[in-house]
C-alpha atoms as a PDB file:
ATOM      1  CA  MET A   1      -0.034   0.087  -0.099  1.00  0.00           C
ATOM      2  CA  ASN A   2       2.783   2.386   0.872  1.00  0.00           C
ATOM      3  CA  ILE A   3       4.989   3.979  -2.005  1.00  0.00           C
ATOM      4  CA  THR A   4       8.591   3.084  -1.999  1.00  0.00           C
ATOM      5  CA  SER A   5      11.277   5.677  -2.318  1.00  0.00           C
ATOM      6  CA  GLU A   6      12.329   4.412  -5.658  1.00  0.00           C
ATOM      7  CA  GLU A   7       8.714   4.547  -7.012  1.00  0.00           C
ATOM      8  CA  LYS A   8       8.615   8.241  -5.713  1.00  0.00           C
ATOM      9  CA  LYS A   9      11.940   9.044  -7.627  1.00  0.00           C
ATOM     10  CA  GLU A  10      10.337   7.617 -10.634  1.00  0.00           C
ATOM     11  CA  ILE A  11       7.240   9.777 -10.256  1.00  0.00           C
ATOM     12  CA  PHE A  12       9.238  12.923  -9.612  1.00  0.00           C
ATOM     13  CA  LYS A  13      11.654  12.291 -12.541  1.00  0.00           C
ATOM     14  CA  LYS A  14       8.647  11.795 -14.834  1.00  0.00           C
ATOM     15  CA  TYR A  15       6.325  14.737 -13.768  1.00  0.00           C
ATOM     16  CA  GLY A  16       8.804  17.071 -12.049  1.00  0.00           C
ATOM     17  CA  LYS A  17      10.340  19.996 -13.794  1.00  0.00           C
ATOM     18  CA  THR A  18      13.935  18.454 -13.081  1.00  0.00           C
ATOM     19  CA  GLY A  19      14.859  15.048 -11.931  1.00  0.00           C
ATOM     20  CA  GLU A  20      15.040  16.081  -8.409  1.00  0.00           C
ATOM     21  CA  ASP A  21      12.164  18.360  -8.331  1.00  0.00           C
ATOM     22  CA  THR A  22       9.725  17.339  -5.598  1.00  0.00           C
ATOM     23  CA  GLY A  23       7.991  20.653  -4.850  1.00  0.00           C
ATOM     24  CA  SER A  24       6.337  21.480  -8.146  1.00  0.00           C
ATOM     25  CA  PRO A  25       2.554  21.021  -8.315  1.00  0.00           C
ATOM     26  CA  GLU A  26       2.825  18.680 -11.109  1.00  0.00           C
ATOM     27  CA  ALA A  27       5.212  16.265  -9.277  1.00  0.00           C
ATOM     28  CA  GLN A  28       2.815  16.544  -6.030  1.00  0.00           C
ATOM     29  CA  ILE A  29      -0.322  15.937  -7.906  1.00  0.00           C
ATOM     30  CA  ALA A  30       1.204  12.897  -9.539  1.00  0.00           C
ATOM     31  CA  LEU A  31       2.260  11.624  -6.156  1.00  0.00           C
ATOM     32  CA  PHE A  32      -1.138  12.145  -4.506  1.00  0.00           C
ATOM     33  CA  THR A  33      -2.776  10.439  -7.599  1.00  0.00           C
ATOM     34  CA  GLU A  34      -0.611   7.334  -7.221  1.00  0.00           C
ATOM     35  CA  ARG A  35      -1.529   7.237  -3.355  1.00  0.00           C
ATOM     36  CA  ILE A  36      -5.155   7.738  -4.140  1.00  0.00           C
ATOM     37  CA  ASN A  37      -5.221   4.840  -6.597  1.00  0.00           C
ATOM     38  CA  ARG A  38      -3.587   2.521  -4.196  1.00  0.00           C
ATOM     39  CA  LEU A  39      -5.922   3.626  -1.145  1.00  0.00           C
ATOM     40  CA  THR A  40      -8.894   2.950  -3.419  1.00  0.00           C
ATOM     41  CA  GLU A  41      -7.657  -0.597  -4.398  1.00  0.00           C
ATOM     42  CA  HIS A  42      -7.225  -1.121  -0.478  1.00  0.00           C
ATOM     43  CA  LEU A  43     -10.703   0.006   0.194  1.00  0.00           C
ATOM     44  CA  LYS A  44     -12.213  -2.366  -2.320  1.00  0.00           C
ATOM     45  CA  ASP A  45     -10.908  -5.243  -0.210  1.00  0.00           C
ATOM     46  CA  HIS A  46     -11.234  -3.637   3.264  1.00  0.00           C
ATOM     47  CA  LYS A  47     -14.655  -1.814   3.082  1.00  0.00           C
ATOM     48  CA  GLN A  48     -14.921  -1.112   6.836  1.00  0.00           C
ATOM     49  CA  ASP A  49     -11.594   0.654   7.156  1.00  0.00           C
ATOM     50  CA  HIS A  50     -12.934   4.113   7.898  1.00  0.00           C
ATOM     51  CA  SER A  51      -9.818   5.682   9.125  1.00  0.00           C
ATOM     52  CA  THR A  52      -8.258   4.875   5.531  1.00  0.00           C
ATOM     53  CA  ARG A  53     -11.346   6.249   4.084  1.00  0.00           C
ATOM     54  CA  LEU A  54     -10.748   9.503   5.901  1.00  0.00           C
ATOM     55  CA  GLY A  55      -7.275   9.722   4.920  1.00  0.00           C
ATOM     56  CA  LEU A  56      -8.333   9.135   1.165  1.00  0.00           C
ATOM     57  CA  LEU A  57     -10.846  12.112   1.259  1.00  0.00           C
ATOM     58  CA  ARG A  58      -8.140  14.398   2.583  1.00  0.00           C
ATOM     59  CA  LEU A  59      -5.757  13.390  -0.184  1.00  0.00           C
ATOM     60  CA  VAL A  60      -8.492  13.986  -2.693  1.00  0.00           C
ATOM     61  CA  GLY A  61      -8.957  17.510  -1.177  1.00  0.00           C
ATOM     62  CA  LYS A  62      -5.328  18.255  -1.262  1.00  0.00           C
ATOM     63  CA  ARG A  63      -5.046  17.115  -4.822  1.00  0.00           C
ATOM     64  CA  ARG A  64      -8.060  19.094  -5.958  1.00  0.00           C
ATOM     65  CA  LYS A  65      -6.576  22.360  -4.338  1.00  0.00           C
ATOM     66  CA  LEU A  66      -3.239  21.722  -6.112  1.00  0.00           C
ATOM     67  CA  LEU A  67      -5.321  21.234  -9.420  1.00  0.00           C
ATOM     68  CA  ASN A  68      -7.082  24.440  -8.938  1.00  0.00           C
ATOM     69  CA  TYR A  69      -3.826  26.224  -8.334  1.00  0.00           C
ATOM     70  CA  LEU A  70      -2.189  24.781 -11.344  1.00  0.00           C
ATOM     71  CA  MET A  71      -5.276  25.644 -13.418  1.00  0.00           C
ATOM     72  CA  ARG A  72      -5.067  29.380 -12.292  1.00  0.00           C
ATOM     73  CA  LYS A  73      -1.405  29.389 -12.883  1.00  0.00           C
ATOM     74  CA  ASP A  74      -0.839  27.425 -16.147  1.00  0.00           C
ATOM     75  CA  ILE A  75      -3.694  25.985 -17.953  1.00  0.00           C
ATOM     76  CA  LYS A  76      -1.656  24.246 -20.509  1.00  0.00           C
ATOM     77  CA  ALA A  77       0.270  22.404 -17.960  1.00  0.00           C
ATOM     78  CA  TYR A  78      -2.952  21.630 -16.044  1.00  0.00           C
ATOM     79  CA  ARG A  79      -4.643  20.008 -19.201  1.00  0.00           C
ATOM     80  CA  LYS A  80      -1.524  18.130 -20.052  1.00  0.00           C
ATOM     81  CA  LEU A  81      -1.158  16.755 -16.435  1.00  0.00           C
ATOM     82  CA  ILE A  82      -4.900  15.444 -16.165  1.00  0.00           C
ATOM     83  CA  GLN A  83      -4.760  13.963 -19.802  1.00  0.00           C
ATOM     84  CA  GLU A  84      -1.482  12.186 -18.679  1.00  0.00           C
ATOM     85  CA  LEU A  85      -2.804  10.828 -15.270  1.00  0.00           C
ATOM     86  CA  GLY A  86      -6.333  10.097 -16.559  1.00  0.00           C
ATOM     87  CA  ILE A  87      -8.069  12.342 -13.925  1.00  0.00           C
ATOM     88  CA  ARG A  88     -10.768  14.733 -14.794  1.00  0.00           C
ATOM     89  CA  LYS A  89     -12.682  17.333 -12.850  1.00  0.00           C
END
């Protein structure tokens, strides 16, 4: 369920502005999306895990805020990112 450091580095390399960029909105949104996908799979098997469900809702909220920020600042990057990640509003 957890993301290993190698997987994080791979995500940051793919979506960050540079290979070591961990702070850009694109990299953070990609990391949140990966975590959300893993938590969703976990909740399919463990339907009564309410604390994980709450954590999932918080992650979705954080991702939504970052997506709104990115949409305001750079609409082209926003459109490219949601198309690559397969998420939509």
